[in-house]
């Protein structure tokens, strides 16, 4: 709905793609 929400969604998406610290 807003630019801020789009950035929230982007941050959440990128985190889901990145490996956790303990993962290979």
PDBML (XML) file of the C-alpha atoms, coordinates in Angstrom:
<?xml version="1.0" encoding="UTF-8" ?>
<PDBx:datablock datablockName="MODEL"
   xmlns:PDBx="http://pdbml.pdb.org/schema/pdbx-v50.xsd"
   xmlns:xsi="http://www.w3.org/2001/XMLSchema-instance"
   xsi:schemaLocation="http://pdbml.pdb.org/schema/pdbx-v50.xsd pdbx-v50.xsd">
   <PDBx:atom_siteCategory>
      <PDBx:atom_site id="1">
         <PDBx:B_iso_or_equiv>0.00</PDBx:B_iso_or_equiv>
         <PDBx:Cartn_x>0.000</PDBx:Cartn_x>
         <PDBx:Cartn_y>0.000</PDBx:Cartn_y>
         <PDBx:Cartn_z>0.000</PDBx:Cartn_z>
         <PDBx:auth_asym_id>A</PDBx:auth_asym_id>
         <PDBx:auth_atom_id>CA</PDBx:auth_atom_id>
         <PDBx:auth_comp_id>UNK</PDBx:auth_comp_id>
         <PDBx:auth_seq_id>1</PDBx:auth_seq_id>
         <PDBx:group_PDB>ATOM</PDBx:group_PDB>
         <PDBx:label_alt_id xsi:nil="true" />
         <PDBx:label_asym_id>A</PDBx:label_asym_id>
         <PDBx:label_atom_id>CA</PDBx:label_atom_id>
         <PDBx:label_comp_id>UNK</PDBx:label_comp_id>
         <PDBx:label_entity_id>1</PDBx:label_entity_id>
         <PDBx:label_seq_id>1</PDBx:label_seq_id>
         <PDBx:occupancy>1.00</PDBx:occupancy>
         <PDBx:pdbx_PDB_model_num>1</PDBx:pdbx_PDB_model_num>
         <PDBx:type_symbol>C</PDBx:type_symbol>
      </PDBx:atom_site>
      <PDBx:atom_site id="2">
         <PDBx:B_iso_or_equiv>0.00</PDBx:B_iso_or_equiv>
         <PDBx:Cartn_x>2.920</PDBx:Cartn_x>
         <PDBx:Cartn_y>2.360</PDBx:Cartn_y>
         <PDBx:Cartn_z>0.734</PDBx:Cartn_z>
         <PDBx:auth_asym_id>A</PDBx:auth_asym_id>
         <PDBx:auth_atom_id>CA</PDBx:auth_atom_id>
         <PDBx:auth_comp_id>UNK</PDBx:auth_comp_id>
         <PDBx:auth_seq_id>2</PDBx:auth_seq_id>
         <PDBx:group_PDB>ATOM</PDBx:group_PDB>
         <PDBx:label_alt_id xsi:nil="true" />
         <PDBx:label_asym_id>A</PDBx:label_asym_id>
         <PDBx:label_atom_id>CA</PDBx:label_atom_id>
         <PDBx:label_comp_id>UNK</PDBx:label_comp_id>
         <PDBx:label_entity_id>1</PDBx:label_entity_id>
         <PDBx:label_seq_id>2</PDBx:label_seq_id>
         <PDBx:occupancy>1.00</PDBx:occupancy>
         <PDBx:pdbx_PDB_model_num>1</PDBx:pdbx_PDB_model_num>
         <PDBx:type_symbol>C</PDBx:type_symbol>
      </PDBx:atom_site>
      <PDBx:atom_site id="3">
         <PDBx:B_iso_or_equiv>0.00</PDBx:B_iso_or_equiv>
         <PDBx:Cartn_x>6.647</PDBx:Cartn_x>
         <PDBx:Cartn_y>2.727</PDBx:Cartn_y>
         <PDBx:Cartn_z>-0.056</PDBx:Cartn_z>
         <PDBx:auth_asym_id>A</PDBx:auth_asym_id>
         <PDBx:auth_atom_id>CA</PDBx:auth_atom_id>
         <PDBx:auth_comp_id>UNK</PDBx:auth_comp_id>
         <PDBx:auth_seq_id>3</PDBx:auth_seq_id>
         <PDBx:group_PDB>ATOM</PDBx:group_PDB>
         <PDBx:label_alt_id xsi:nil="true" />
         <PDBx:label_asym_id>A</PDBx:label_asym_id>
         <PDBx:label_atom_id>CA</PDBx:label_atom_id>
         <PDBx:label_comp_id>UNK</PDBx:label_comp_id>
         <PDBx:label_entity_id>1</PDBx:label_entity_id>
         <PDBx:label_seq_id>3</PDBx:label_seq_id>
         <PDBx:occupancy>1.00</PDBx:occupancy>
         <PDBx:pdbx_PDB_model_num>1</PDBx:pdbx_PDB_model_num>
         <PDBx:type_symbol>C</PDBx:type_symbol>
      </PDBx:atom_site>
      <PDBx:atom_site id="4">
         <PDBx:B_iso_or_equiv>0.00</PDBx:B_iso_or_equiv>
         <PDBx:Cartn_x>7.477</PDBx:Cartn_x>
         <PDBx:Cartn_y>1.847</PDBx:Cartn_y>
         <PDBx:Cartn_z>3.551</PDBx:Cartn_z>
         <PDBx:auth_asym_id>A</PDBx:auth_asym_id>
         <PDBx:auth_atom_id>CA</PDBx:auth_atom_id>
         <PDBx:auth_comp_id>UNK</PDBx:auth_comp_id>
         <PDBx:auth_seq_id>4</PDBx:auth_seq_id>
         <PDBx:group_PDB>ATOM</PDBx:group_PDB>
         <PDBx:label_alt_id xsi:nil="true" />
         <PDBx:label_asym_id>A</PDBx:label_asym_id>
         <PDBx:label_atom_id>CA</PDBx:label_atom_id>
         <PDBx:label_comp_id>UNK</PDBx:label_comp_id>
         <PDBx:label_entity_id>1</PDBx:label_entity_id>
         <PDBx:label_seq_id>4</PDBx:label_seq_id>
         <PDBx:occupancy>1.00</PDBx:occupancy>
         <PDBx:pdbx_PDB_model_num>1</PDBx:pdbx_PDB_model_num>
         <PDBx:type_symbol>C</PDBx:type_symbol>
      </PDBx:atom_site>
      <PDBx:atom_site id="5">
         <PDBx:B_iso_or_equiv>0.00</PDBx:B_iso_or_equiv>
         <PDBx:Cartn_x>5.482</PDBx:Cartn_x>
         <PDBx:Cartn_y>-1.363</PDBx:Cartn_y>
         <PDBx:Cartn_z>3.359</PDBx:Cartn_z>
         <PDBx:auth_asym_id>A</PDBx:auth_asym_id>
         <PDBx:auth_atom_id>CA</PDBx:auth_atom_id>
         <PDBx:auth_comp_id>UNK</PDBx:auth_comp_id>
         <PDBx:auth_seq_id>5</PDBx:auth_seq_id>
         <PDBx:group_PDB>ATOM</PDBx:group_PDB>
         <PDBx:label_alt_id xsi:nil="true" />
         <PDBx:label_asym_id>A</PDBx:label_asym_id>
         <PDBx:label_atom_id>CA</PDBx:label_atom_id>
         <PDBx:label_comp_id>UNK</PDBx:label_comp_id>
         <PDBx:label_entity_id>1</PDBx:label_entity_id>
         <PDBx:label_seq_id>5</PDBx:label_seq_id>
         <PDBx:occupancy>1.00</PDBx:occupancy>
         <PDBx:pdbx_PDB_model_num>1</PDBx:pdbx_PDB_model_num>
         <PDBx:type_symbol>C</PDBx:type_symbol>
      </PDBx:atom_site>
      <PDBx:atom_site id="6">
         <PDBx:B_iso_or_equiv>0.00</PDBx:B_iso_or_equiv>
         <PDBx:Cartn_x>7.216</PDBx:Cartn_x>
         <PDBx:Cartn_y>-2.303</PDBx:Cartn_y>
         <PDBx:Cartn_z>0.122</PDBx:Cartn_z>
         <PDBx:auth_asym_id>A</PDBx:auth_asym_id>
         <PDBx:auth_atom_id>CA</PDBx:auth_atom_id>
         <PDBx:auth_comp_id>UNK</PDBx:auth_comp_id>
         <PDBx:auth_seq_id>6</PDBx:auth_seq_id>
         <PDBx:group_PDB>ATOM</PDBx:group_PDB>
         <PDBx:label_alt_id xsi:nil="true" />
         <PDBx:label_asym_id>A</PDBx:label_asym_id>
         <PDBx:label_atom_id>CA</PDBx:label_atom_id>
         <PDBx:label_comp_id>UNK</PDBx:label_comp_id>
         <PDBx:label_entity_id>1</PDBx:label_entity_id>
         <PDBx:label_seq_id>6</PDBx:label_seq_id>
         <PDBx:occupancy>1.00</PDBx:occupancy>
         <PDBx:pdbx_PDB_model_num>1</PDBx:pdbx_PDB_model_num>
         <PDBx:type_symbol>C</PDBx:type_symbol>
      </PDBx:atom_site>
      <PDBx:atom_site id="7">
         <PDBx:B_iso_or_equiv>0.00</PDBx:B_iso_or_equiv>
         <PDBx:Cartn_x>10.601</PDBx:Cartn_x>
         <PDBx:Cartn_y>-1.892</PDBx:Cartn_y>
         <PDBx:Cartn_z>1.853</PDBx:Cartn_z>
         <PDBx:auth_asym_id>A</PDBx:auth_asym_id>
         <PDBx:auth_atom_id>CA</PDBx:auth_atom_id>
         <PDBx:auth_comp_id>UNK</PDBx:auth_comp_id>
         <PDBx:auth_seq_id>7</PDBx:auth_seq_id>
         <PDBx:group_PDB>ATOM</PDBx:group_PDB>
         <PDBx:label_alt_id xsi:nil="true" />
         <PDBx:label_asym_id>A</PDBx:label_asym_id>
         <PDBx:label_atom_id>CA</PDBx:label_atom_id>
         <PDBx:label_comp_id>UNK</PDBx:label_comp_id>
         <PDBx:label_entity_id>1</PDBx:label_entity_id>
         <PDBx:label_seq_id>7</PDBx:label_seq_id>
         <PDBx:occupancy>1.00</PDBx:occupancy>
         <PDBx:pdbx_PDB_model_num>1</PDBx:pdbx_PDB_model_num>
         <PDBx:type_symbol>C</PDBx:type_symbol>
      </PDBx:atom_site>
      <PDBx:atom_site id="8">
         <PDBx:B_iso_or_equiv>0.00</PDBx:B_iso_or_equiv>
         <PDBx:Cartn_x>9.320</PDBx:Cartn_x>
         <PDBx:Cartn_y>-4.002</PDBx:Cartn_y>
         <PDBx:Cartn_z>4.782</PDBx:Cartn_z>
         <PDBx:auth_asym_id>A</PDBx:auth_asym_id>
         <PDBx:auth_atom_id>CA</PDBx:auth_atom_id>
         <PDBx:auth_comp_id>UNK</PDBx:auth_comp_id>
         <PDBx:auth_seq_id>8</PDBx:auth_seq_id>
         <PDBx:group_PDB>ATOM</PDBx:group_PDB>
         <PDBx:label_alt_id xsi:nil="true" />
         <PDBx:label_asym_id>A</PDBx:label_asym_id>
         <PDBx:label_atom_id>CA</PDBx:label_atom_id>
         <PDBx:label_comp_id>UNK</PDBx:label_comp_id>
         <PDBx:label_entity_id>1</PDBx:label_entity_id>
         <PDBx:label_seq_id>8</PDBx:label_seq_id>
         <PDBx:occupancy>1.00</PDBx:occupancy>
         <PDBx:pdbx_PDB_model_num>1</PDBx:pdbx_PDB_model_num>
         <PDBx:type_symbol>C</PDBx:type_symbol>
      </PDBx:atom_site>
      <PDBx:atom_site id="9">
         <PDBx:B_iso_or_equiv>0.00</PDBx:B_iso_or_equiv>
         <PDBx:Cartn_x>8.352</PDBx:Cartn_x>
         <PDBx:Cartn_y>-6.747</PDBx:Cartn_y>
         <PDBx:Cartn_z>2.323</PDBx:Cartn_z>
         <PDBx:auth_asym_id>A</PDBx:auth_asym_id>
         <PDBx:auth_atom_id>CA</PDBx:auth_atom_id>
         <PDBx:auth_comp_id>UNK</PDBx:auth_comp_id>
         <PDBx:auth_seq_id>9</PDBx:auth_seq_id>
         <PDBx:group_PDB>ATOM</PDBx:group_PDB>
         <PDBx:label_alt_id xsi:nil="true" />
         <PDBx:label_asym_id>A</PDBx:label_asym_id>
         <PDBx:label_atom_id>CA</PDBx:label_atom_id>
         <PDBx:label_comp_id>UNK</PDBx:label_comp_id>
         <PDBx:label_entity_id>1</PDBx:label_entity_id>
         <PDBx:label_seq_id>9</PDBx:label_seq_id>
         <PDBx:occupancy>1.00</PDBx:occupancy>
         <PDBx:pdbx_PDB_model_num>1</PDBx:pdbx_PDB_model_num>
         <PDBx:type_symbol>C</PDBx:type_symbol>
      </PDBx:atom_site>
      <PDBx:atom_site id="10">
         <PDBx:B_iso_or_equiv>0.00</PDBx:B_iso_or_equiv>
         <PDBx:Cartn_x>11.713</PDBx:Cartn_x>
         <PDBx:Cartn_y>-6.529</PDBx:Cartn_y>
         <PDBx:Cartn_z>0.550</PDBx:Cartn_z>
         <PDBx:auth_asym_id>A</PDBx:auth_asym_id>
         <PDBx:auth_atom_id>CA</PDBx:auth_atom_id>
         <PDBx:auth_comp_id>UNK</PDBx:auth_comp_id>
         <PDBx:auth_seq_id>10</PDBx:auth_seq_id>
         <PDBx:group_PDB>ATOM</PDBx:group_PDB>
         <PDBx:label_alt_id xsi:nil="true" />
         <PDBx:label_asym_id>A</PDBx:label_asym_id>
         <PDBx:label_atom_id>CA</PDBx:label_atom_id>
         <PDBx:label_comp_id>UNK</PDBx:label_comp_id>
         <PDBx:label_entity_id>1</PDBx:label_entity_id>
         <PDBx:label_seq_id>10</PDBx:label_seq_id>
         <PDBx:occupancy>1.00</PDBx:occupancy>
         <PDBx:pdbx_PDB_model_num>1</PDBx:pdbx_PDB_model_num>
         <PDBx:type_symbol>C</PDBx:type_symbol>
      </PDBx:atom_site>
      <PDBx:atom_site id="11">
         <PDBx:B_iso_or_equiv>0.00</PDBx:B_iso_or_equiv>
         <PDBx:Cartn_x>13.660</PDBx:Cartn_x>
         <PDBx:Cartn_y>-6.818</PDBx:Cartn_y>
         <PDBx:Cartn_z>3.812</PDBx:Cartn_z>
         <PDBx:auth_asym_id>A</PDBx:auth_asym_id>
         <PDBx:auth_atom_id>CA</PDBx:auth_atom_id>
         <PDBx:auth_comp_id>UNK</PDBx:auth_comp_id>
         <PDBx:auth_seq_id>11</PDBx:auth_seq_id>
         <PDBx:group_PDB>ATOM</PDBx:group_PDB>
         <PDBx:label_alt_id xsi:nil="true" />
         <PDBx:label_asym_id>A</PDBx:label_asym_id>
         <PDBx:label_atom_id>CA</PDBx:label_atom_id>
         <PDBx:label_comp_id>UNK</PDBx:label_comp_id>
         <PDBx:label_entity_id>1</PDBx:label_entity_id>
         <PDBx:label_seq_id>11</PDBx:label_seq_id>
         <PDBx:occupancy>1.00</PDBx:occupancy>
         <PDBx:pdbx_PDB_model_num>1</PDBx:pdbx_PDB_model_num>
         <PDBx:type_symbol>C</PDBx:type_symbol>
      </PDBx:atom_site>
      <PDBx:atom_site id="12">
         <PDBx:B_iso_or_equiv>0.00</PDBx:B_iso_or_equiv>
         <PDBx:Cartn_x>11.629</PDBx:Cartn_x>
         <PDBx:Cartn_y>-9.850</PDBx:Cartn_y>
         <PDBx:Cartn_z>4.870</PDBx:Cartn_z>
         <PDBx:auth_asym_id>A</PDBx:auth_asym_id>
         <PDBx:auth_atom_id>CA</PDBx:auth_atom_id>
         <PDBx:auth_comp_id>UNK</PDBx:auth_comp_id>
         <PDBx:auth_seq_id>12</PDBx:auth_seq_id>
         <PDBx:group_PDB>ATOM</PDBx:group_PDB>
         <PDBx:label_alt_id xsi:nil="true" />
         <PDBx:label_asym_id>A</PDBx:label_asym_id>
         <PDBx:label_atom_id>CA</PDBx:label_atom_id>
         <PDBx:label_comp_id>UNK</PDBx:label_comp_id>
         <PDBx:label_entity_id>1</PDBx:label_entity_id>
         <PDBx:label_seq_id>12</PDBx:label_seq_id>
         <PDBx:occupancy>1.00</PDBx:occupancy>
         <PDBx:pdbx_PDB_model_num>1</PDBx:pdbx_PDB_model_num>
         <PDBx:type_symbol>C</PDBx:type_symbol>
      </PDBx:atom_site>
      <PDBx:atom_site id="13">
         <PDBx:B_iso_or_equiv>0.00</PDBx:B_iso_or_equiv>
         <PDBx:Cartn_x>12.088</PDBx:Cartn_x>
         <PDBx:Cartn_y>-11.500</PDBx:Cartn_y>
         <PDBx:Cartn_z>1.477</PDBx:Cartn_z>
         <PDBx:auth_asym_id>A</PDBx:auth_asym_id>
         <PDBx:auth_atom_id>CA</PDBx:auth_atom_id>
         <PDBx:auth_comp_id>UNK</PDBx:auth_comp_id>
         <PDBx:auth_seq_id>13</PDBx:auth_seq_id>
         <PDBx:group_PDB>ATOM</PDBx:group_PDB>
         <PDBx:label_alt_id xsi:nil="true" />
         <PDBx:label_asym_id>A</PDBx:label_asym_id>
         <PDBx:label_atom_id>CA</PDBx:label_atom_id>
         <PDBx:label_comp_id>UNK</PDBx:label_comp_id>
         <PDBx:label_entity_id>1</PDBx:label_entity_id>
         <PDBx:label_seq_id>13</PDBx:label_seq_id>
         <PDBx:occupancy>1.00</PDBx:occupancy>
         <PDBx:pdbx_PDB_model_num>1</PDBx:pdbx_PDB_model_num>
         <PDBx:type_symbol>C</PDBx:type_symbol>
      </PDBx:atom_site>
      <PDBx:atom_site id="14">
         <PDBx:B_iso_or_equiv>0.00</PDBx:B_iso_or_equiv>
         <PDBx:Cartn_x>15.855</PDBx:Cartn_x>
         <PDBx:Cartn_y>-11.010</PDBx:Cartn_y>
         <PDBx:Cartn_z>1.376</PDBx:Cartn_z>
         <PDBx:auth_asym_id>A</PDBx:auth_asym_id>
         <PDBx:auth_atom_id>CA</PDBx:auth_atom_id>
         <PDBx:auth_comp_id>UNK</PDBx:auth_comp_id>
         <PDBx:auth_seq_id>14</PDBx:auth_seq_id>
         <PDBx:group_PDB>ATOM</PDBx:group_PDB>
         <PDBx:label_alt_id xsi:nil="true" />
         <PDBx:label_asym_id>A</PDBx:label_asym_id>
         <PDBx:label_atom_id>CA</PDBx:label_atom_id>
         <PDBx:label_comp_id>UNK</PDBx:label_comp_id>
         <PDBx:label_entity_id>1</PDBx:label_entity_id>
         <PDBx:label_seq_id>14</PDBx:label_seq_id>
         <PDBx:occupancy>1.00</PDBx:occupancy>
         <PDBx:pdbx_PDB_model_num>1</PDBx:pdbx_PDB_model_num>
         <PDBx:type_symbol>C</PDBx:type_symbol>
      </PDBx:atom_site>
      <PDBx:atom_site id="15">
         <PDBx:B_iso_or_equiv>0.00</PDBx:B_iso_or_equiv>
         <PDBx:Cartn_x>16.203</PDBx:Cartn_x>
         <PDBx:Cartn_y>-12.373</PDBx:Cartn_y>
         <PDBx:Cartn_z>4.919</PDBx:Cartn_z>
         <PDBx:auth_asym_id>A</PDBx:auth_asym_id>
         <PDBx:auth_atom_id>CA</PDBx:auth_atom_id>
         <PDBx:auth_comp_id>UNK</PDBx:auth_comp_id>
         <PDBx:auth_seq_id>15</PDBx:auth_seq_id>
         <PDBx:group_PDB>ATOM</PDBx:group_PDB>
         <PDBx:label_alt_id xsi:nil="true" />
         <PDBx:label_asym_id>A</PDBx:label_asym_id>
         <PDBx:label_atom_id>CA</PDBx:label_atom_id>
         <PDBx:label_comp_id>UNK</PDBx:label_comp_id>
         <PDBx:label_entity_id>1</PDBx:label_entity_id>
         <PDBx:label_seq_id>15</PDBx:label_seq_id>
         <PDBx:occupancy>1.00</PDBx:occupancy>
         <PDBx:pdbx_PDB_model_num>1</PDBx:pdbx_PDB_model_num>
         <PDBx:type_symbol>C</PDBx:type_symbol>
      </PDBx:atom_site>
      <PDBx:atom_site id="16">
         <PDBx:B_iso_or_equiv>0.00</PDBx:B_iso_or_equiv>
         <PDBx:Cartn_x>14.301</PDBx:Cartn_x>
         <PDBx:Cartn_y>-15.503</PDBx:Cartn_y>
         <PDBx:Cartn_z>3.855</PDBx:Cartn_z>
         <PDBx:auth_asym_id>A</PDBx:auth_asym_id>
         <PDBx:auth_atom_id>CA</PDBx:auth_atom_id>
         <PDBx:auth_comp_id>UNK</PDBx:auth_comp_id>
         <PDBx:auth_seq_id>16</PDBx:auth_seq_id>
         <PDBx:group_PDB>ATOM</PDBx:group_PDB>
         <PDBx:label_alt_id xsi:nil="true" />
         <PDBx:label_asym_id>A</PDBx:label_asym_id>
         <PDBx:label_atom_id>CA</PDBx:label_atom_id>
         <PDBx:label_comp_id>UNK</PDBx:label_comp_id>
         <PDBx:label_entity_id>1</PDBx:label_entity_id>
         <PDBx:label_seq_id>16</PDBx:label_seq_id>
         <PDBx:occupancy>1.00</PDBx:occupancy>
         <PDBx:pdbx_PDB_model_num>1</PDBx:pdbx_PDB_model_num>
         <PDBx:type_symbol>C</PDBx:type_symbol>
      </PDBx:atom_site>
      <PDBx:atom_site id="17">
         <PDBx:B_iso_or_equiv>0.00</PDBx:B_iso_or_equiv>
         <PDBx:Cartn_x>16.739</PDBx:Cartn_x>
         <PDBx:Cartn_y>-16.019</PDBx:Cartn_y>
         <PDBx:Cartn_z>0.986</PDBx:Cartn_z>
         <PDBx:auth_asym_id>A</PDBx:auth_asym_id>
         <PDBx:auth_atom_id>CA</PDBx:auth_atom_id>
         <PDBx:auth_comp_id>UNK</PDBx:auth_comp_id>
         <PDBx:auth_seq_id>17</PDBx:auth_seq_id>
         <PDBx:group_PDB>ATOM</PDBx:group_PDB>
         <PDBx:label_alt_id xsi:nil="true" />
         <PDBx:label_asym_id>A</PDBx:label_asym_id>
         <PDBx:label_atom_id>CA</PDBx:label_atom_id>
         <PDBx:label_comp_id>UNK</PDBx:label_comp_id>
         <PDBx:label_entity_id>1</PDBx:label_entity_id>
         <PDBx:label_seq_id>17</PDBx:label_seq_id>
         <PDBx:occupancy>1.00</PDBx:occupancy>
         <PDBx:pdbx_PDB_model_num>1</PDBx:pdbx_PDB_model_num>
         <PDBx:type_symbol>C</PDBx:type_symbol>
      </PDBx:atom_site>
      <PDBx:atom_site id="18">
         <PDBx:B_iso_or_equiv>0.00</PDBx:B_iso_or_equiv>
         <PDBx:Cartn_x>19.910</PDBx:Cartn_x>
         <PDBx:Cartn_y>-15.555</PDBx:Cartn_y>
         <PDBx:Cartn_z>3.032</PDBx:Cartn_z>
         <PDBx:auth_asym_id>A</PDBx:auth_asym_id>
         <PDBx:auth_atom_id>CA</PDBx:auth_atom_id>
         <PDBx:auth_comp_id>UNK</PDBx:auth_comp_id>
         <PDBx:auth_seq_id>18</PDBx:auth_seq_id>
         <PDBx:group_PDB>ATOM</PDBx:group_PDB>
         <PDBx:label_alt_id xsi:nil="true" />
         <PDBx:label_asym_id>A</PDBx:label_asym_id>
         <PDBx:label_atom_id>CA</PDBx:label_atom_id>
         <PDBx:label_comp_id>UNK</PDBx:label_comp_id>
         <PDBx:label_entity_id>1</PDBx:label_entity_id>
         <PDBx:label_seq_id>18</PDBx:label_seq_id>
         <PDBx:occupancy>1.00</PDBx:occupancy>
         <PDBx:pdbx_PDB_model_num>1</PDBx:pdbx_PDB_model_num>
         <PDBx:type_symbol>C</PDBx:type_symbol>
      </PDBx:atom_site>
      <PDBx:atom_site id="19">
         <PDBx:B_iso_or_equiv>0.00</PDBx:B_iso_or_equiv>
         <PDBx:Cartn_x>21.393</PDBx:Cartn_x>
         <PDBx:Cartn_y>-18.497</PDBx:Cartn_y>
         <PDBx:Cartn_z>4.958</PDBx:Cartn_z>
         <PDBx:auth_asym_id>A</PDBx:auth_asym_id>
         <PDBx:auth_atom_id>CA</PDBx:auth_atom_id>
         <PDBx:auth_comp_id>UNK</PDBx:auth_comp_id>
         <PDBx:auth_seq_id>19</PDBx:auth_seq_id>
         <PDBx:group_PDB>ATOM</PDBx:group_PDB>
         <PDBx:label_alt_id xsi:nil="true" />
         <PDBx:label_asym_id>A</PDBx:label_asym_id>
         <PDBx:label_atom_id>CA</PDBx:label_atom_id>
         <PDBx:label_comp_id>UNK</PDBx:label_comp_id>
         <PDBx:label_entity_id>1</PDBx:label_entity_id>
         <PDBx:label_seq_id>19</PDBx:label_seq_id>
         <PDBx:occupancy>1.00</PDBx:occupancy>
         <PDBx:pdbx_PDB_model_num>1</PDBx:pdbx_PDB_model_num>
         <PDBx:type_symbol>C</PDBx:type_symbol>
      </PDBx:atom_site>
      <PDBx:atom_site id="20">
         <PDBx:B_iso_or_equiv>0.00</PDBx:B_iso_or_equiv>
         <PDBx:Cartn_x>21.266</PDBx:Cartn_x>
         <PDBx:Cartn_y>-18.462</PDBx:Cartn_y>
         <PDBx:Cartn_z>8.734</PDBx:Cartn_z>
         <PDBx:auth_asym_id>A</PDBx:auth_asym_id>
         <PDBx:auth_atom_id>CA</PDBx:auth_atom_id>
         <PDBx:auth_comp_id>UNK</PDBx:auth_comp_id>
         <PDBx:auth_seq_id>20</PDBx:auth_seq_id>
         <PDBx:group_PDB>ATOM</PDBx:group_PDB>
         <PDBx:label_alt_id xsi:nil="true" />
         <PDBx:label_asym_id>A</PDBx:label_asym_id>
         <PDBx:label_atom_id>CA</PDBx:label_atom_id>
         <PDBx:label_comp_id>UNK</PDBx:label_comp_id>
         <PDBx:label_entity_id>1</PDBx:label_entity_id>
         <PDBx:label_seq_id>20</PDBx:label_seq_id>
         <PDBx:occupancy>1.00</PDBx:occupancy>
         <PDBx:pdbx_PDB_model_num>1</PDBx:pdbx_PDB_model_num>
         <PDBx:type_symbol>C</PDBx:type_symbol>
      </PDBx:atom_site>
      <PDBx:atom_site id="21">
         <PDBx:B_iso_or_equiv>0.00</PDBx:B_iso_or_equiv>
         <PDBx:Cartn_x>24.625</PDBx:Cartn_x>
         <PDBx:Cartn_y>-18.007</PDBx:Cartn_y>
         <PDBx:Cartn_z>10.471</PDBx:Cartn_z>
         <PDBx:auth_asym_id>A</PDBx:auth_asym_id>
         <PDBx:auth_atom_id>CA</PDBx:auth_atom_id>
         <PDBx:auth_comp_id>UNK</PDBx:auth_comp_id>
         <PDBx:auth_seq_id>21</PDBx:auth_seq_id>
         <PDBx:group_PDB>ATOM</PDBx:group_PDB>
         <PDBx:label_alt_id xsi:nil="true" />
         <PDBx:label_asym_id>A</PDBx:label_asym_id>
         <PDBx:label_atom_id>CA</PDBx:label_atom_id>
         <PDBx:label_comp_id>UNK</PDBx:label_comp_id>
         <PDBx:label_entity_id>1</PDBx:label_entity_id>
         <PDBx:label_seq_id>21</PDBx:label_seq_id>
         <PDBx:occupancy>1.00</PDBx:occupancy>
         <PDBx:pdbx_PDB_model_num>1</PDBx:pdbx_PDB_model_num>
         <PDBx:type_symbol>C</PDBx:type_symbol>
      </PDBx:atom_site>
      <PDBx:atom_site id="22">
         <PDBx:B_iso_or_equiv>0.00</PDBx:B_iso_or_equiv>
         <PDBx:Cartn_x>24.879</PDBx:Cartn_x>
         <PDBx:Cartn_y>-21.714</PDBx:Cartn_y>
         <PDBx:Cartn_z>11.318</PDBx:Cartn_z>
         <PDBx:auth_asym_id>A</PDBx:auth_asym_id>
         <PDBx:auth_atom_id>CA</PDBx:auth_atom_id>
         <PDBx:auth_comp_id>UNK</PDBx:auth_comp_id>
         <PDBx:auth_seq_id>22</PDBx:auth_seq_id>
         <PDBx:group_PDB>ATOM</PDBx:group_PDB>
         <PDBx:label_alt_id xsi:nil="true" />
         <PDBx:label_asym_id>A</PDBx:label_asym_id>
         <PDBx:label_atom_id>CA</PDBx:label_atom_id>
         <PDBx:label_comp_id>UNK</PDBx:label_comp_id>
         <PDBx:label_entity_id>1</PDBx:label_entity_id>
         <PDBx:label_seq_id>22</PDBx:label_seq_id>
         <PDBx:occupancy>1.00</PDBx:occupancy>
         <PDBx:pdbx_PDB_model_num>1</PDBx:pdbx_PDB_model_num>
         <PDBx:type_symbol>C</PDBx:type_symbol>
      </PDBx:atom_site>
      <PDBx:atom_site id="23">
         <PDBx:B_iso_or_equiv>0.00</PDBx:B_iso_or_equiv>
         <PDBx:Cartn_x>23.768</PDBx:Cartn_x>
         <PDBx:Cartn_y>-22.969</PDBx:Cartn_y>
         <PDBx:Cartn_z>7.885</PDBx:Cartn_z>
         <PDBx:auth_asym_id>A</PDBx:auth_asym_id>
         <PDBx:auth_atom_id>CA</PDBx:auth_atom_id>
         <PDBx:auth_comp_id>UNK</PDBx:auth_comp_id>
         <PDBx:auth_seq_id>23</PDBx:auth_seq_id>
         <PDBx:group_PDB>ATOM</PDBx:group_PDB>
         <PDBx:label_alt_id xsi:nil="true" />
         <PDBx:label_asym_id>A</PDBx:label_asym_id>
         <PDBx:label_atom_id>CA</PDBx:label_atom_id>
         <PDBx:label_comp_id>UNK</PDBx:label_comp_id>
         <PDBx:label_entity_id>1</PDBx:label_entity_id>
         <PDBx:label_seq_id>23</PDBx:label_seq_id>
         <PDBx:occupancy>1.00</PDBx:occupancy>
         <PDBx:pdbx_PDB_model_num>1</PDBx:pdbx_PDB_model_num>
         <PDBx:type_symbol>C</PDBx:type_symbol>
      </PDBx:atom_site>
      <PDBx:atom_site id="24">
         <PDBx:B_iso_or_equiv>0.00</PDBx:B_iso_or_equiv>
         <PDBx:Cartn_x>25.931</PDBx:Cartn_x>
         <PDBx:Cartn_y>-23.858</PDBx:Cartn_y>
         <PDBx:Cartn_z>4.927</PDBx:Cartn_z>
         <PDBx:auth_asym_id>A</PDBx:auth_asym_id>
         <PDBx:auth_atom_id>CA</PDBx:auth_atom_id>
         <PDBx:auth_comp_id>UNK</PDBx:auth_comp_id>
         <PDBx:auth_seq_id>24</PDBx:auth_seq_id>
         <PDBx:group_PDB>ATOM</PDBx:group_PDB>
         <PDBx:label_alt_id xsi:nil="true" />
         <PDBx:label_asym_id>A</PDBx:label_asym_id>
         <PDBx:label_atom_id>CA</PDBx:label_atom_id>
         <PDBx:label_comp_id>UNK</PDBx:label_comp_id>
         <PDBx:label_entity_id>1</PDBx:label_entity_id>
         <PDBx:label_seq_id>24</PDBx:label_seq_id>
         <PDBx:occupancy>1.00</PDBx:occupancy>
         <PDBx:pdbx_PDB_model_num>1</PDBx:pdbx_PDB_model_num>
         <PDBx:type_symbol>C</PDBx:type_symbol>
      </PDBx:atom_site>
   </PDBx:atom_siteCategory>
</PDBx:datablock>
